[in-house]
PDB file of N, CA and C in Angstrom:
ATOM      1  N   MET A   1     -16.612 -22.865  24.746  1.00  0.00           N
ATOM      2  CA  MET A   1     -15.985 -21.601  24.972  1.00  0.00           C
ATOM      3  C   MET A   1     -14.602 -21.537  24.320  1.00  0.00           C
ATOM      4  N   ILE A   2     -13.806 -22.580  24.518  1.00  0.00           N
ATOM      5  CA  ILE A   2     -12.458 -22.601  23.962  1.00  0.00           C
ATOM      6  C   ILE A   2     -12.508 -22.660  22.442  1.00  0.00           C
ATOM      7  N   ALA A   3     -13.414 -23.410  21.882  1.00  0.00           N
ATOM      8  CA  ALA A   3     -13.549 -23.513  20.430  1.00  0.00           C
ATOM      9  C   ALA A   3     -13.931 -22.164  19.836  1.00  0.00           C
ATOM     10  N   HIS A   4     -14.782 -21.417  20.530  1.00  0.00           N
ATOM     11  CA  HIS A   4     -15.184 -20.091  20.056  1.00  0.00           C
ATOM     12  C   HIS A   4     -13.978 -19.134  20.065  1.00  0.00           C
ATOM     13  N   GLY A   5     -13.159 -19.184  21.091  1.00  0.00           N
ATOM     14  CA  GLY A   5     -11.957 -18.338  21.186  1.00  0.00           C
ATOM     15  C   GLY A   5     -10.950 -18.675  20.096  1.00  0.00           C
ATOM     16  N   ALA A   6     -10.802 -19.956  19.788  1.00  0.00           N
ATOM     17  CA  ALA A   6      -9.871 -20.372  18.739  1.00  0.00           C
ATOM     18  C   ALA A   6     -10.349 -19.891  17.377  1.00  0.00           C
ATOM     19  N   LEU A   7     -11.667 -19.918  17.160  1.00  0.00           N
ATOM     20  CA  LEU A   7     -12.232 -19.446  15.908  1.00  0.00           C
ATOM     21  C   LEU A   7     -12.009 -17.945  15.746  1.00  0.00           C
ATOM     22  N   VAL A   8     -12.212 -17.197  16.796  1.00  0.00           N
ATOM     23  CA  VAL A   8     -11.987 -15.745  16.759  1.00  0.00           C
ATOM     24  C   VAL A   8     -10.510 -15.451  16.490  1.00  0.00           C
ATOM     25  N   ALA A   9      -9.633 -16.181  17.118  1.00  0.00           N
ATOM     26  CA  ALA A   9      -8.190 -15.986  16.917  1.00  0.00           C
ATOM     27  C   ALA A   9      -7.804 -16.260  15.469  1.00  0.00           C
ATOM     28  N   ARG A  10      -8.368 -17.286  14.869  1.00  0.00           N
ATOM     29  CA  ARG A  10      -8.064 -17.600  13.469  1.00  0.00           C
ATOM     30  C   ARG A  10      -8.572 -16.509  12.531  1.00  0.00           C
ATOM     31  N   ILE A  11      -9.770 -16.009  12.807  1.00  0.00           N
ATOM     32  CA  ILE A  11     -10.336 -14.951  11.969  1.00  0.00           C
ATOM     33  C   ILE A  11      -9.496 -13.682  12.066  1.00  0.00           C
ATOM     34  N   VAL A  12      -9.120 -13.305  13.283  1.00  0.00           N
ATOM     35  CA  VAL A  12      -8.302 -12.097  13.477  1.00  0.00           C
ATOM     36  C   VAL A  12      -6.939 -12.264  12.806  1.00  0.00           C
ATOM     37  N   THR A  13      -6.334 -13.423  12.912  1.00  0.00           N
ATOM     38  CA  THR A  13      -5.047 -13.670  12.259  1.00  0.00           C
ATOM     39  C   THR A  13      -5.187 -13.574  10.745  1.00  0.00           C
ATOM     40  N   GLY A  14      -6.232 -14.155  10.211  1.00  0.00           N
ATOM     41  CA  GLY A  14      -6.470 -14.086   8.762  1.00  0.00           C
ATOM     42  C   GLY A  14      -6.668 -12.656   8.290  1.00  0.00           C
ATOM     43  N   LEU A  15      -7.434 -11.862   9.029  1.00  0.00           N
ATOM     44  CA  LEU A  15      -7.641 -10.456   8.673  1.00  0.00           C
ATOM     45  C   LEU A  15      -6.326  -9.671   8.749  1.00  0.00           C
ATOM     46  N   GLY A  16      -5.507  -9.987   9.720  1.00  0.00           N
ATOM     47  CA  GLY A  16      -4.208  -9.324   9.841  1.00  0.00           C
ATOM     48  C   GLY A  16      -3.309  -9.620   8.657  1.00  0.00           C
ATOM     49  N   ILE A  17      -3.286 -10.860   8.216  1.00  0.00           N
ATOM     50  CA  ILE A  17      -2.456 -11.236   7.062  1.00  0.00           C
ATOM     51  C   ILE A  17      -2.952 -10.546   5.801  1.00  0.00           C
ATOM     52  N   VAL A  18      -4.264 -10.481   5.624  1.00  0.00           N
ATOM     53  CA  VAL A  18      -4.829  -9.785   4.462  1.00  0.00           C
ATOM     54  C   VAL A  18      -4.468  -8.298   4.508  1.00  0.00           C
ATOM     55  N   ALA A  19      -4.592  -7.675   5.672  1.00  0.00           N
ATOM     56  CA  ALA A  19      -4.268  -6.250   5.807  1.00  0.00           C
ATOM     57  C   ALA A  19      -2.798  -5.990   5.503  1.00  0.00           C
ATOM     58  N   LEU A  20      -1.908  -6.824   6.002  1.00  0.00           N
ATOM     59  CA  LEU A  20      -0.477  -6.657   5.720  1.00  0.00           C
ATOM     60  C   LEU A  20      -0.169  -6.828   4.240  1.00  0.00           C
ATOM     61  N   THR A  21      -0.838  -7.748   3.596  1.00  0.00           N
ATOM     62  CA  THR A  21      -0.651  -7.947   2.160  1.00  0.00           C
ATOM     63  C   THR A  21      -1.090  -6.718   1.373  1.00  0.00           C
ATOM     64  N   VAL A  22      -2.200  -6.138   1.761  1.00  0.00           N
ATOM     65  CA  VAL A  22      -2.692  -4.934   1.085  1.00  0.00           C
ATOM     66  C   VAL A  22      -1.726  -3.769   1.313  1.00  0.00           C
ATOM     67  N   PHE A  23      -1.262  -3.576   2.543  1.00  0.00           N
ATOM     68  CA  PHE A  23      -0.327  -2.485   2.841  1.00  0.00           C
ATOM     69  C   PHE A  23       0.991  -2.649   2.094  1.00  0.00           C
ATOM     70  N   ARG A  24       1.407  -3.857   1.891  1.00  0.00           N
ATOM     71  CA  ARG A  24       2.669  -4.123   1.191  1.00  0.00           C
ATOM     72  C   ARG A  24       2.614  -3.611  -0.253  1.00  0.00           C
ATOM     73  N   ARG A  25       1.455  -3.621  -0.842  1.00  0.00           N
ATOM     74  CA  ARG A  25       1.285  -3.122  -2.219  1.00  0.00           C
ATOM     75  C   ARG A  25       1.564  -1.629  -2.327  1.00  0.00           C
ATOM     76  N   PHE A  26       1.352  -0.904  -1.241  1.00  0.00           N
ATOM     77  CA  PHE A  26       1.486   0.550  -1.274  1.00  0.00           C
ATOM     78  C   PHE A  26       2.852   1.053  -0.811  1.00  0.00           C
ATOM     79  N   GLU A  27       3.669   0.207  -0.234  1.00  0.00           N
ATOM     80  CA  GLU A  27       4.955   0.687   0.264  1.00  0.00           C
ATOM     81  C   GLU A  27       5.910   0.990  -0.883  1.00  0.00           C
ATOM     82  N   ASP A  28       6.838   1.882  -0.633  1.00  0.00           N
ATOM     83  CA  ASP A  28       7.788   2.315  -1.650  1.00  0.00           C
ATOM     84  C   ASP A  28       8.913   1.294  -1.754  1.00  0.00           C
ATOM     85  N   LYS A  29       8.985   0.612  -2.881  1.00  0.00           N
ATOM     86  CA  LYS A  29       9.976  -0.450  -3.046  1.00  0.00           C
ATOM     87  C   LYS A  29      11.296   0.054  -3.623  1.00  0.00           C
ATOM     88  N   ASN A  30      11.355   1.327  -4.010  1.00  0.00           N
ATOM     89  CA  ASN A  30      12.577   1.866  -4.593  1.00  0.00           C
ATOM     90  C   ASN A  30      13.512   2.479  -3.560  1.00  0.00           C
ATOM     91  N   VAL A  31      13.136   2.458  -2.297  1.00  0.00           N
ATOM     92  CA  VAL A  31      13.966   3.045  -1.254  1.00  0.00           C
ATOM     93  C   VAL A  31      15.040   2.048  -0.845  1.00  0.00           C
ATOM     94  N   VAL A  32      16.290   2.521  -0.841  1.00  0.00           N
ATOM     95  CA  VAL A  32      17.428   1.684  -0.496  1.00  0.00           C
ATOM     96  C   VAL A  32      18.151   2.322   0.679  1.00  0.00           C
ATOM     97  N   ARG A  33      18.662   1.502   1.566  1.00  0.00           N
ATOM     98  CA  ARG A  33      19.409   1.997   2.728  1.00  0.00           C
ATOM     99  C   ARG A  33      20.897   2.008   2.418  1.00  0.00           C
ATOM    100  N   HIS A  34      21.538   3.101   2.805  1.00  0.00           N
ATOM    101  CA  HIS A  34      22.975   3.250   2.619  1.00  0.00           C
ATOM    102  C   HIS A  34      23.599   3.796   3.890  1.00  0.00           C
ATOM    103  N   ARG A  35      24.863   3.508   4.064  1.00  0.00           N
ATOM    104  CA  ARG A  35      25.651   4.126   5.134  1.00  0.00           C
ATOM    105  C   ARG A  35      26.701   4.986   4.452  1.00  0.00           C
ATOM    106  N   LEU A  36      26.651   6.271   4.748  1.00  0.00           N
ATOM    107  CA  LEU A  36      27.578   7.246   4.177  1.00  0.00           C
ATOM    108  C   LEU A  36      28.563   7.643   5.259  1.00  0.00           C
ATOM    109  N   SER A  37      29.848   7.377   5.026  1.00  0.00           N
ATOM    110  CA  SER A  37      30.909   7.794   5.936  1.00  0.00           C
ATOM    111  C   SER A  37      31.762   8.811   5.200  1.00  0.00           C
ATOM    112  N   ALA A  38      31.930   9.987   5.804  1.00  0.00           N
ATOM    113  CA  ALA A  38      32.655  11.062   5.139  1.00  0.00           C
ATOM    114  C   ALA A  38      33.633  11.707   6.096  1.00  0.00           C
ATOM    115  N   VAL A  39      34.764  12.113   5.546  1.00  0.00           N
ATOM    116  CA  VAL A  39      35.738  12.927   6.276  1.00  0.00           C
ATOM    117  C   VAL A  39      35.742  14.283   5.593  1.00  0.00           C
ATOM    118  N   LEU A  40      35.425  15.314   6.370  1.00  0.00           N
ATOM    119  CA  LEU A  40      35.301  16.667   5.848  1.00  0.00           C
ATOM    120  C   LEU A  40      36.388  17.562   6.420  1.00  0.00           C
ATOM    121  N   ALA A  41      36.810  18.540   5.624  1.00  0.00           N
ATOM    122  CA  ALA A  41      37.789  19.526   6.086  1.00  0.00           C
ATOM    123  C   ALA A  41      37.048  20.583   6.889  1.00  0.00           C
ATOM    124  N   GLY A  42      37.332  20.679   8.168  1.00  0.00           N
ATOM    125  CA  GLY A  42      36.685  21.678   9.011  1.00  0.00           C
ATOM    126  C   GLY A  42      35.227  21.345   9.261  1.00  0.00           C
ATOM    127  N   GLY A  43      34.525  22.243   9.952  1.00  0.00           N
ATOM    128  CA  GLY A  43      33.141  21.996  10.307  1.00  0.00           C
ATOM    129  C   GLY A  43      32.137  22.541   9.321  1.00  0.00           C
ATOM    130  N   SER A  44      32.592  23.310   8.338  1.00  0.00           N
ATOM    131  CA  SER A  44      31.650  23.963   7.431  1.00  0.00           C
ATOM    132  C   SER A  44      31.000  22.992   6.455  1.00  0.00           C
ATOM    133  N   GLY A  45      31.635  21.898   6.158  1.00  0.00           N
ATOM    134  CA  GLY A  45      31.094  20.953   5.189  1.00  0.00           C
ATOM    135  C   GLY A  45      29.913  20.152   5.696  1.00  0.00           C
ATOM    136  N   VAL A  46      29.728  20.094   7.014  1.00  0.00           N
ATOM    137  CA  VAL A  46      28.634  19.306   7.582  1.00  0.00           C
ATOM    138  C   VAL A  46      27.289  19.887   7.155  1.00  0.00           C
ATOM    139  N   ASP A  47      27.138  21.192   7.287  1.00  0.00           N
ATOM    140  CA  ASP A  47      25.873  21.830   6.894  1.00  0.00           C
ATOM    141  C   ASP A  47      25.599  21.639   5.411  1.00  0.00           C
ATOM    142  N   GLU A  48      26.641  21.713   4.614  1.00  0.00           N
ATOM    143  CA  GLU A  48      26.494  21.541   3.168  1.00  0.00           C
ATOM    144  C   GLU A  48      26.061  20.115   2.825  1.00  0.00           C
ATOM    145  N   LEU A  49      26.657  19.138   3.481  1.00  0.00           N
ATOM    146  CA  LEU A  49      26.302  17.741   3.242  1.00  0.00           C
ATOM    147  C   LEU A  49      24.871  17.460   3.690  1.00  0.00           C
ATOM    148  N   LEU A  50      24.488  17.956   4.863  1.00  0.00           N
ATOM    149  CA  LEU A  50      23.124  17.741   5.349  1.00  0.00           C
ATOM    150  C   LEU A  50      22.102  18.450   4.466  1.00  0.00           C
ATOM    151  N   ALA A  51      22.458  19.603   3.909  1.00  0.00           N
ATOM    152  CA  ALA A  51      21.562  20.291   2.970  1.00  0.00           C
ATOM    153  C   ALA A  51      21.382  19.474   1.694  1.00  0.00           C
ATOM    154  N   THR A  52      22.456  18.835   1.230  1.00  0.00           N
ATOM    155  CA  THR A  52      22.364  17.973   0.051  1.00  0.00           C
ATOM    156  C   THR A  52      21.460  16.777   0.324  1.00  0.00           C
ATOM    157  N   VAL A  53      21.606  16.170   1.504  1.00  0.00           N
ATOM    158  CA  VAL A  53      20.753  15.041   1.887  1.00  0.00           C
ATOM    159  C   VAL A  53      19.289  15.471   1.913  1.00  0.00           C
ATOM    160  N   GLN A  54      19.024  16.639   2.479  1.00  0.00           N
ATOM    161  CA  GLN A  54      17.656  17.137   2.556  1.00  0.00           C
ATOM    162  C   GLN A  54      17.102  17.456   1.163  1.00  0.00           C
ATOM    163  N   ARG A  55      17.934  18.035   0.292  1.00  0.00           N
ATOM    164  CA  ARG A  55      17.503  18.378  -1.056  1.00  0.00           C
ATOM    165  C   ARG A  55      17.120  17.129  -1.854  1.00  0.00           C
ATOM    166  N   LEU A  56      17.777  16.010  -1.589  1.00  0.00           N
ATOM    167  CA  LEU A  56      17.502  14.759  -2.304  1.00  0.00           C
ATOM    168  C   LEU A  56      16.367  13.952  -1.674  1.00  0.00           C
ATOM    169  N   ASP A  57      15.712  14.516  -0.667  1.00  0.00           N
ATOM    170  CA  ASP A  57      14.609  13.857   0.031  1.00  0.00           C
ATOM    171  C   ASP A  57      15.010  12.524   0.641  1.00  0.00           C
ATOM    172  N   ALA A  58      16.231  12.443   1.123  1.00  0.00           N
ATOM    173  CA  ALA A  58      16.693  11.235   1.803  1.00  0.00           C
ATOM    174  C   ALA A  58      16.330  11.350   3.280  1.00  0.00           C
ATOM    175  N   ARG A  59      16.035  10.225   3.880  1.00  0.00           N
ATOM    176  CA  ARG A  59      15.717  10.195   5.310  1.00  0.00           C
ATOM    177  C   ARG A  59      16.930   9.698   6.072  1.00  0.00           C
ATOM    178  N   VAL A  60      17.308  10.432   7.095  1.00  0.00           N
ATOM    179  CA  VAL A  60      18.450  10.077   7.939  1.00  0.00           C
ATOM    180  C   VAL A  60      17.919   9.396   9.185  1.00  0.00           C
ATOM    181  N   SER A  61      18.430   8.198   9.463  1.00  0.00           N
ATOM    182  CA  SER A  61      17.950   7.467  10.631  1.00  0.00           C
ATOM    183  C   SER A  61      18.969   7.426  11.757  1.00  0.00           C
ATOM    184  N   ASN A  62      20.235   7.683  11.461  1.00  0.00           N
ATOM    185  CA  ASN A  62      21.264   7.632  12.497  1.00  0.00           C
ATOM    186  C   ASN A  62      22.418   8.534  12.077  1.00  0.00           C
ATOM    187  N   VAL A  63      22.968   9.278  13.034  1.00  0.00           N
ATOM    188  CA  VAL A  63      24.093  10.166  12.756  1.00  0.00           C
ATOM    189  C   VAL A  63      25.175   9.910  13.795  1.00  0.00           C
ATOM    190  N   ASP A  64      26.396   9.726  13.326  1.00  0.00           N
ATOM    191  CA  ASP A  64      27.559   9.607  14.197  1.00  0.00           C
ATOM    192  C   ASP A  64      28.510  10.727  13.803  1.00  0.00           C
ATOM    193  N   TYR A  65      28.895  11.561  14.758  1.00  0.00           N
ATOM    194  CA  TYR A  65      29.644  12.781  14.470  1.00  0.00           C
ATOM    195  C   TYR A  65      30.883  12.825  15.355  1.00  0.00           C
ATOM    196  N   ALA A  66      32.046  13.043  14.747  1.00  0.00           N
ATOM    197  CA  ALA A  66      33.287  13.206  15.496  1.00  0.00           C
ATOM    198  C   ALA A  66      34.043  14.397  14.919  1.00  0.00           C
ATOM    199  N   HIS A  67      34.434  15.328  15.790  1.00  0.00           N
ATOM    200  CA  HIS A  67      35.114  16.548  15.357  1.00  0.00           C
ATOM    201  C   HIS A  67      36.435  16.657  16.103  1.00  0.00           C
ATOM    202  N   GLU A  68      37.538  16.645  15.372  1.00  0.00           N
ATOM    203  CA  GLU A  68      38.859  16.790  15.974  1.00  0.00           C
ATOM    204  C   GLU A  68      39.219  18.268  16.010  1.00  0.00           C
ATOM    205  N   VAL A  69      39.395  18.796  17.205  1.00  0.00           N
ATOM    206  CA  VAL A  69      39.686  20.212  17.383  1.00  0.00           C
ATOM    207  C   VAL A  69      41.085  20.349  17.984  1.00  0.00           C
ATOM    208  N   GLY A  70      41.764  21.418  17.612  1.00  0.00           N
ATOM    209  CA  GLY A  70      43.059  21.709  18.211  1.00  0.00           C
ATOM    210  C   GLY A  70      44.231  21.031  17.536  1.00  0.00           C
ATOM    211  N   THR A  71      43.999  20.358  16.450  1.00  0.00           N
ATOM    212  CA  THR A  71      45.100  19.744  15.714  1.00  0.00           C
ATOM    213  C   THR A  71      45.380  20.588  14.476  1.00  0.00           C
ATOM    214  N   ALA A  72      46.528  20.382  13.887  1.00  0.00           N
ATOM    215  CA  ALA A  72      46.877  21.132  12.675  1.00  0.00           C
ATOM    216  C   ALA A  72      45.953  20.764  11.517  1.00  0.00           C
ATOM    217  N   ASP A  73      45.480  19.538  11.533  1.00  0.00           N
ATOM    218  CA  ASP A  73      44.589  19.048  10.474  1.00  0.00           C
ATOM    219  C   ASP A  73      43.193  18.877  11.060  1.00  0.00           C
ATOM    220  N   GLU A  74      42.458  19.984  11.191  1.00  0.00           N
ATOM    221  CA  GLU A  74      41.113  19.921  11.759  1.00  0.00           C
ATOM    222  C   GLU A  74      40.172  19.235  10.771  1.00  0.00           C
ATOM    223  N   ARG A  75      39.448  18.248  11.261  1.00  0.00           N
ATOM    224  CA  ARG A  75      38.550  17.520  10.373  1.00  0.00           C
ATOM    225  C   ARG A  75      37.328  17.030  11.131  1.00  0.00           C
ATOM    226  N   VAL A  76      36.321  16.679  10.364  1.00  0.00           N
ATOM    227  CA  VAL A  76      35.072  16.154  10.902  1.00  0.00           C
ATOM    228  C   VAL A  76      34.812  14.810  10.243  1.00  0.00           C
ATOM    229  N   GLU A  77      34.520  13.814  11.071  1.00  0.00           N
ATOM    230  CA  GLU A  77      34.124  12.506  10.557  1.00  0.00           C
ATOM    231  C   GLU A  77      32.636  12.352  10.827  1.00  0.00           C
ATOM    232  N   LEU A  78      31.900  12.054   9.778  1.00  0.00           N
ATOM    233  CA  LEU A  78      30.448  11.984   9.855  1.00  0.00           C
ATOM    234  C   LEU A  78      29.980  10.681   9.225  1.00  0.00           C
ATOM    235  N   THR A  79      29.129   9.960   9.933  1.00  0.00           N
ATOM    236  CA  THR A  79      28.529   8.736   9.402  1.00  0.00           C
ATOM    237  C   THR A  79      27.021   8.872   9.483  1.00  0.00           C
ATOM    238  N   LEU A  80      26.361   8.674   8.351  1.00  0.00           N
ATOM    239  CA  LEU A  80      24.911   8.793   8.260  1.00  0.00           C
ATOM    240  C   LEU A  80      24.317   7.490   7.754  1.00  0.00           C
ATOM    241  N   ASP A  81      23.274   7.017   8.402  1.00  0.00           N
ATOM    242  CA  ASP A  81      22.468   5.924   7.860  1.00  0.00           C
ATOM    243  C   ASP A  81      21.289   6.594   7.172  1.00  0.00           C
ATOM    244  N   ILE A  82      21.194   6.415   5.854  1.00  0.00           N
ATOM    245  CA  ILE A  82      20.170   7.119   5.093  1.00  0.00           C
ATOM    246  C   ILE A  82      19.332   6.149   4.283  1.00  0.00           C
ATOM    247  N   GLN A  83      18.123   6.583   3.986  1.00  0.00           N
ATOM    248  CA  GLN A  83      17.236   5.876   3.079  1.00  0.00           C
ATOM    249  C   GLN A  83      16.965   6.827   1.925  1.00  0.00           C
ATOM    250  N   ILE A  84      17.289   6.384   0.716  1.00  0.00           N
ATOM    251  CA  ILE A  84      17.167   7.253  -0.450  1.00  0.00           C
ATOM    252  C   ILE A  84      16.571   6.463  -1.603  1.00  0.00           C
ATOM    253  N   ASP A  85      15.852   7.150  -2.441  1.00  0.00           N
ATOM    254  CA  ASP A  85      15.260   6.526  -3.618  1.00  0.00           C
ATOM    255  C   ASP A  85      16.376   6.016  -4.524  1.00  0.00           C
ATOM    256  N   ASP A  86      16.298   4.761  -4.902  1.00  0.00           N
ATOM    257  CA  ASP A  86      17.348   4.128  -5.705  1.00  0.00           C
ATOM    258  C   ASP A  86      17.511   4.797  -7.062  1.00  0.00           C
ATOM    259  N   ARG A  87      16.465   5.423  -7.576  1.00  0.00           N
ATOM    260  CA  ARG A  87      16.531   6.073  -8.882  1.00  0.00           C
ATOM    261  C   ARG A  87      17.348   7.365  -8.843  1.00  0.00           C
ATOM    262  N   ILE A  88      17.554   7.935  -7.662  1.00  0.00           N
ATOM    263  CA  ILE A  88      18.327   9.173  -7.552  1.00  0.00           C
ATOM    264  C   ILE A  88      19.818   8.883  -7.661  1.00  0.00           C
ATOM    265  N   GLY A  89      20.271   7.851  -7.006  1.00  0.00           N
ATOM    266  CA  GLY A  89      21.686   7.524  -7.001  1.00  0.00           C
ATOM    267  C   GLY A  89      22.395   8.212  -5.849  1.00  0.00           C
ATOM    268  N   VAL A  90      23.396   7.568  -5.324  1.00  0.00           N
ATOM    269  CA  VAL A  90      24.089   8.095  -4.150  1.00  0.00           C
ATOM    270  C   VAL A  90      25.300   8.954  -4.503  1.00  0.00           C
ATOM    271  N   ARG A  91      25.693   8.997  -5.754  1.00  0.00           N
ATOM    272  CA  ARG A  91      26.840   9.819  -6.141  1.00  0.00           C
ATOM    273  C   ARG A  91      26.583  11.299  -5.892  1.00  0.00           C
ATOM    274  N   ALA A  92      25.326  11.699  -5.922  1.00  0.00           N
ATOM    275  CA  ALA A  92      24.987  13.096  -5.658  1.00  0.00           C
ATOM    276  C   ALA A  92      25.339  13.496  -4.230  1.00  0.00           C
ATOM    277  N   LEU A  93      25.422  12.522  -3.326  1.00  0.00           N
ATOM    278  CA  LEU A  93      25.777  12.819  -1.946  1.00  0.00           C
ATOM    279  C   LEU A  93      27.272  13.080  -1.775  1.00  0.00           C
ATOM    280  N   ALA A  94      28.075  12.614  -2.706  1.00  0.00           N
ATOM    281  CA  ALA A  94      29.527  12.724  -2.588  1.00  0.00           C
ATOM    282  C   ALA A  94      30.072  13.943  -3.312  1.00  0.00           C
ATOM    283  N   SER A  95      29.257  14.989  -3.447  1.00  0.00           N
ATOM    284  CA  SER A  95      29.675  16.129  -4.256  1.00  0.00           C
ATOM    285  C   SER A  95      30.119  17.341  -3.455  1.00  0.00           C
ATOM    286  N   ALA A  96      30.177  17.257  -2.154  1.00  0.00           N
ATOM    287  CA  ALA A  96      30.586  18.412  -1.344  1.00  0.00           C
ATOM    288  C   ALA A  96      32.060  18.726  -1.572  1.00  0.00           C
ATOM    289  N   PRO A  97      32.407  19.995  -1.827  1.00  0.00           N
ATOM    290  CA  PRO A  97      33.801  20.337  -2.131  1.00  0.00           C
ATOM    291  C   PRO A  97      34.744  20.193  -0.940  1.00  0.00           C
ATOM    292  N   THR A  98      34.223  20.221   0.284  1.00  0.00           N
ATOM    293  CA  THR A  98      35.091  20.088   1.455  1.00  0.00           C
ATOM    294  C   THR A  98      35.330  18.639   1.845  1.00  0.00           C
ATOM    295  N   MET A  99      34.804  17.698   1.069  1.00  0.00           N
ATOM    296  CA  MET A  99      34.957  16.293   1.378  1.00  0.00           C
ATOM    297  C   MET A  99      36.353  15.804   1.008  1.00  0.00           C
ATOM    298  N   ARG A 100      37.014  15.228   1.965  1.00  0.00           N
ATOM    299  CA  ARG A 100      38.339  14.647   1.709  1.00  0.00           C
ATOM    300  C   ARG A 100      38.234  13.182   1.316  1.00  0.00           C
ATOM    301  N   ARG A 101      37.301  12.501   1.956  1.00  0.00           N
ATOM    302  CA  ARG A 101      37.131  11.071   1.691  1.00  0.00           C
ATOM    303  C   ARG A 101      35.672  10.717   1.935  1.00  0.00           C
ATOM    304  N   VAL A 102      35.137   9.853   1.111  1.00  0.00           N
ATOM    305  CA  VAL A 102      33.758   9.410   1.273  1.00  0.00           C
ATOM    306  C   VAL A 102      33.674   7.912   1.002  1.00  0.00           C
ATOM    307  N   ARG A 103      32.814   7.265   1.762  1.00  0.00           N
ATOM    308  CA  ARG A 103      32.593   5.832   1.565  1.00  0.00           C
ATOM    309  C   ARG A 103      31.087   5.598   1.678  1.00  0.00           C
ATOM    310  N   ILE A 104      30.520   4.977   0.664  1.00  0.00           N
ATOM    311  CA  ILE A 104      29.084   4.722   0.646  1.00  0.00           C
ATOM    312  C   ILE A 104      28.889   3.213   0.523  1.00  0.00           C
ATOM    313  N   GLN A 105      28.164   2.648   1.505  1.00  0.00           N
ATOM    314  CA  GLN A 105      27.900   1.218   1.519  1.00  0.00           C
ATOM    315  C   GLN A 105      26.392   0.993   1.522  1.00  0.00           C
ATOM    316  N   GLN A 106      25.965  -0.040   0.828  1.00  0.00           N
ATOM    317  CA  GLN A 106      24.551  -0.403   0.889  1.00  0.00           C
ATOM    318  C   GLN A 106      24.346  -1.193   2.162  1.00  0.00           C
ATOM    319  N   ALA A 107      23.383  -0.757   2.951  1.00  0.00           N
ATOM    320  CA  ALA A 107      23.144  -1.395   4.259  1.00  0.00           C
ATOM    321  C   ALA A 107      22.123  -2.498   4.158  1.00  0.00           C
TER     322      ALA A 107
END
């Protein structure tokens, strides 16, 4: 009985490894993860930046948003964890006119 169970376990493990190897062939290898940290003037630049991310077919996995209200220098700090095709380039994300500062790191 135990020998039969061990044989089944080995077969299932082998099939799993083969399946993972096959799936690995189909995954997109050009996708790179980046962390985009931006300081924007006012709240209007957030929609523009998110529209740019969507236009570039980037996937956003995490968003950190901080908005300072009531100060003379109203600003928005936004951090996005994104996955984007490496062939597109991340400079296209730093093109919003309301951006005061941008930092892009490969994650």
